[in-house]
């Protein structure tokens, strides 16, 4: 399987900044979801991650998460952010993995 960062560069689809948030009850499922979301994340903390996602990556992330989550107990959200608005960061900010994006704050 191709690493997600490479797939992003070759997809041809525009990416947009999204917040991915999850609340997973089982420590075993939580660990698996953390690793899945981190494949796409450029930053974030605990159970909220910042991800630049194309439409195919959103679908892939949903499919991968659905295979792990217990939908009766867990929650998982992908929240697209409006791209023409400023992003304000307070406290420590972590630079994204991709040099294509820059955080100001």
Foldseek 3Di string as FASTA:
>chain_A
DDQVVVCVVPVPFFWFKKKKFKDADDPVLLVVLVVLVVSFFFFDDDGIGIGTDGPVRVVVNVVSNVVRGDVVGMDIDIGTDDPVDADDDDDDTGGGPDPVDDHDD
